[in-house]
C-alpha atoms as a PDB file:
ATOM      1  CA  MET A   1       4.797  75.194 -55.687  1.00  0.00           C
ATOM      2  CA  THR A   2       4.293  74.588 -59.403  1.00  0.00           C
ATOM      3  CA  ARG A   3       8.004  73.850 -59.873  1.00  0.00           C
ATOM      4  CA  ARG A   4       7.895  71.260 -57.092  1.00  0.00           C
ATOM      5  CA  ILE A   5       4.922  69.571 -58.703  1.00  0.00           C
ATOM      6  CA  GLU A   6       6.631  69.654 -62.122  1.00  0.00           C
ATOM      7  CA  ARG A   7       9.626  67.914 -60.575  1.00  0.00           C
ATOM      8  CA  ALA A   8       7.297  65.446 -58.851  1.00  0.00           C
ATOM      9  CA  MET A   9       5.753  64.622 -62.231  1.00  0.00           C
ATOM     10  CA  THR A  10       9.133  63.537 -63.621  1.00  0.00           C
ATOM     11  CA  LEU A  11      10.131  61.280 -60.722  1.00  0.00           C
ATOM     12  CA  PRO A  12       7.316  58.678 -60.942  1.00  0.00           C
ATOM     13  CA  ARG A  13       8.242  57.973 -64.558  1.00  0.00           C
ATOM     14  CA  ARG A  14      11.446  56.352 -63.312  1.00  0.00           C
ATOM     15  CA  GLY A  15       9.324  53.864 -61.360  1.00  0.00           C
ATOM     16  CA  ASP A  16      11.788  53.343 -58.506  1.00  0.00           C
ATOM     17  CA  LEU A  17      10.289  55.818 -56.005  1.00  0.00           C
ATOM     18  CA  SER A  18       7.061  55.579 -54.049  1.00  0.00           C
ATOM     19  CA  VAL A  19       4.674  58.529 -53.902  1.00  0.00           C
ATOM     20  CA  THR A  20       5.833  59.262 -50.341  1.00  0.00           C
ATOM     21  CA  GLU A  21       9.476  59.255 -51.430  1.00  0.00           C
ATOM     22  CA  VAL A  22       8.643  61.621 -54.290  1.00  0.00           C
ATOM     23  CA  CYS A  23       6.821  63.882 -51.821  1.00  0.00           C
ATOM     24  CA  PHE A  24       9.899  64.262 -49.623  1.00  0.00           C
ATOM     25  CA  ALA A  25      12.300  64.422 -52.596  1.00  0.00           C
ATOM     26  CA  VAL A  26      10.627  67.542 -53.971  1.00  0.00           C
ATOM     27  CA  GLY A  27      10.503  69.343 -50.627  1.00  0.00           C
ATOM     28  CA  PHE A  28       7.073  68.670 -49.154  1.00  0.00           C
ATOM     29  CA  SER A  29       6.943  67.748 -45.483  1.00  0.00           C
ATOM     30  CA  SER A  30       3.436  66.277 -45.562  1.00  0.00           C
ATOM     31  CA  PRO A  31       2.229  63.573 -47.971  1.00  0.00           C
ATOM     32  CA  ASP A  32      -1.349  64.846 -47.537  1.00  0.00           C
ATOM     33  CA  THR A  33      -0.397  68.380 -48.615  1.00  0.00           C
ATOM     34  CA  PHE A  34       1.622  66.997 -51.510  1.00  0.00           C
ATOM     35  CA  SER A  35      -1.286  64.865 -52.672  1.00  0.00           C
ATOM     36  CA  THR A  36      -3.739  67.761 -52.429  1.00  0.00           C
ATOM     37  CA  ARG A  37      -1.523  70.200 -54.351  1.00  0.00           C
ATOM     38  CA  PHE A  38      -0.570  67.600 -56.949  1.00  0.00           C
ATOM     39  CA  THR A  39      -4.231  66.785 -57.583  1.00  0.00           C
ATOM     40  CA  GLU A  40      -5.151  70.496 -57.848  1.00  0.00           C
ATOM     41  CA  LEU A  41      -2.454  71.222 -60.437  1.00  0.00           C
ATOM     42  CA  VAL A  42      -2.342  67.997 -62.423  1.00  0.00           C
ATOM     43  CA  GLY A  43      -5.953  66.846 -62.152  1.00  0.00           C
ATOM     44  CA  VAL A  44      -5.233  63.330 -60.881  1.00  0.00           C
ATOM     45  CA  PRO A  45      -3.804  62.087 -57.589  1.00  0.00           C
ATOM     46  CA  PRO A  46      -0.085  61.235 -57.559  1.00  0.00           C
ATOM     47  CA  GLY A  47      -0.711  57.477 -57.273  1.00  0.00           C
ATOM     48  CA  GLY A  48      -2.941  57.514 -60.348  1.00  0.00           C
ATOM     49  CA  TYR A  49      -0.456  59.652 -62.240  1.00  0.00           C
ATOM     50  CA  ARG A  50       2.356  57.269 -61.326  1.00  0.00           C
ATOM     51  CA  ARG A  51       0.343  54.254 -62.465  1.00  0.00           C
ATOM     52  CA  ASP A  52      -0.668  55.869 -65.773  1.00  0.00           C
ATOM     53  CA  HIS A  53       2.677  57.487 -66.602  1.00  0.00           C
ATOM     54  CA  SER A  54       5.299  55.111 -65.246  1.00  0.00           C
ATOM     55  CA  GLN A  55       6.546  54.294 -68.755  1.00  0.00           C
ATOM     56  CA  THR A  56       5.677  57.622 -70.417  1.00  0.00           C
ATOM     57  CA  GLY A  57       8.732  59.299 -71.785  1.00  0.00           C
ATOM     58  CA  THR A  58      10.711  56.167 -72.430  1.00  0.00           C
ATOM     59  CA  GLY A  59      13.079  57.101 -75.223  1.00  0.00           C
ATOM     60  CA  ILE A  60      12.198  60.803 -75.030  1.00  0.00           C
ATOM     61  CA  PRO A  61      14.804  63.253 -73.682  1.00  0.00           C
ATOM     62  CA  SER A  62      13.842  64.374 -70.174  1.00  0.00           C
ATOM     63  CA  CYS A  63      13.890  68.064 -71.156  1.00  0.00           C
ATOM     64  CA  LEU A  64      11.229  67.411 -73.816  1.00  0.00           C
ATOM     65  CA  ALA A  65       9.176  65.117 -71.577  1.00  0.00           C
ATOM     66  CA  GLU A  66       9.101  67.809 -68.868  1.00  0.00           C
ATOM     67  CA  GLN A  67       7.938  70.431 -71.360  1.00  0.00           C
ATOM     68  CA  VAL A  68       5.168  68.243 -72.783  1.00  0.00           C
ATOM     69  CA  THR A  69       3.857  67.120 -69.390  1.00  0.00           C
ATOM     70  CA  ARG A  70       4.103  70.494 -67.619  1.00  0.00           C
ATOM     71  CA  PRO A  71       0.919  71.198 -65.638  1.00  0.00           C
ATOM     72  CA  VAL A  72      -1.271  74.092 -66.724  1.00  0.00           C
ATOM     73  CA  LYS A  73      -2.127  76.138 -63.643  1.00  0.00           C
ATOM     74  CA  ASN A  74      -5.247  77.888 -64.903  1.00  0.00           C
ATOM     75  CA  GLN A  75      -6.773  75.732 -67.595  1.00  0.00           C
ATOM     76  CA  GLY A  76      -9.955  77.807 -67.705  1.00  0.00           C
ATOM     77  CA  ALA A  77      -8.170  81.029 -68.681  1.00  0.00           C
ATOM     78  CA  ARG A  78      -8.446  82.269 -72.233  1.00  0.00           C
ATOM     79  CA  ALA A  79      -5.317  82.289 -74.379  1.00  0.00           C
ATOM     80  CA  ARG A  80      -3.999  85.737 -75.214  1.00  0.00           C
END
Protein backbone atom coordinates (compact mmCIF):
# COMPACT_ATOMS: atom_id res chain seq x y z
CA MET A 1 0.00 0.00 0.00
CA THR A 2 2.78 2.42 0.93
CA ARG A 3 4.60 1.72 -2.35
CA ARG A 4 1.44 2.50 -4.33
CA ILE A 5 1.04 5.78 -2.49
CA GLU A 6 4.73 6.63 -3.04
CA ARG A 7 4.22 6.06 -6.75
CA ALA A 8 1.04 8.14 -6.63
CA MET A 9 3.01 10.99 -5.07
CA THR A 10 5.37 11.13 -8.06
CA LEU A 11 2.69 11.15 -10.77
CA PRO A 12 0.92 14.43 -9.88
CA ARG A 13 4.21 16.30 -10.18
CA ARG A 14 4.09 15.70 -13.93
CA GLY A 15 0.79 17.60 -14.04
CA ASP A 16 -0.72 15.69 -16.96
CA LEU A 17 -2.81 13.18 -14.97
CA SER A 18 -5.96 13.75 -12.96
CA VAL A 19 -6.29 12.33 -9.45
CA THR A 20 -8.62 9.62 -10.80
CA GLU A 21 -6.10 8.66 -13.48
CA VAL A 22 -3.35 8.47 -10.86
CA CYS A 23 -5.62 6.28 -8.72
CA PHE A 24 -6.04 3.71 -11.49
CA ALA A 25 -2.41 4.00 -12.65
CA VAL A 26 -1.08 2.86 -9.28
CA GLY A 27 -3.48 -0.06 -8.96
CA PHE A 28 -6.43 1.16 -6.91
CA SER A 29 -9.88 0.22 -8.15
CA SER A 30 -11.76 2.83 -6.12
CA PRO A 31 -11.00 6.57 -6.08
CA ASP A 32 -12.57 6.81 -2.61
CA THR A 33 -10.24 4.15 -1.19
CA PHE A 34 -7.27 5.78 -2.90
CA SER A 35 -8.16 9.17 -1.47
CA THR A 36 -8.62 7.77 2.03
CA ARG A 37 -5.32 5.85 2.03
CA PHE A 38 -3.42 8.73 0.44
CA THR A 39 -4.71 11.14 3.08
CA GLU A 40 -3.83 8.72 5.92
CA LEU A 41 -0.24 8.27 4.74
CA VAL A 42 0.59 11.69 3.34
CA GLY A 43 -1.54 13.93 5.55
CA VAL A 44 -3.31 15.81 2.75
CA PRO A 45 -5.84 14.67 0.16
CA PRO A 46 -4.49 13.83 -3.31
CA GLY A 47 -6.07 16.90 -4.93
CA GLY A 48 -4.40 19.21 -2.41
CA TYR A 49 -1.10 17.41 -2.80
CA ARG A 50 -1.32 17.72 -6.58
CA ARG A 51 -2.08 21.44 -6.35
CA ASP A 52 0.75 22.12 -3.89
CA HIS A 53 3.38 19.89 -5.50
CA SER A 54 2.70 20.06 -9.23
CA GLN A 55 6.01 21.84 -9.87
CA THR A 56 7.99 20.35 -6.97
CA GLY A 57 10.97 18.44 -8.19
CA THR A 58 11.50 20.41 -11.35
CA GLY A 59 15.18 20.02 -12.10
CA ILE A 60 15.68 17.37 -9.40
CA PRO A 61 16.36 13.77 -10.46
CA SER A 62 13.26 11.63 -9.88
CA CYS A 63 15.16 9.17 -7.67
CA LEU A 64 16.09 12.00 -5.28
CA ALA A 65 12.63 13.59 -5.40
CA GLU A 66 11.04 10.23 -4.48
CA GLN A 67 13.41 9.80 -1.54
CA VAL A 68 12.79 13.31 -0.19
CA THR A 69 9.00 13.13 -0.53
CA ARG A 70 8.55 9.55 0.72
CA PRO A 71 5.67 9.36 3.21
CA VAL A 72 6.46 8.47 6.81
CA LYS A 73 4.03 5.77 7.91
CA ASN A 74 4.24 6.24 11.67
CA GLN A 75 5.26 9.81 12.33
CA GLY A 76 4.55 9.51 16.05
CA ALA A 77 7.08 6.71 16.61
CA ARG A 78 10.34 7.51 18.33
CA ALA A 79 13.54 7.23 16.32
CA ARG A 80 15.81 4.38 17.34
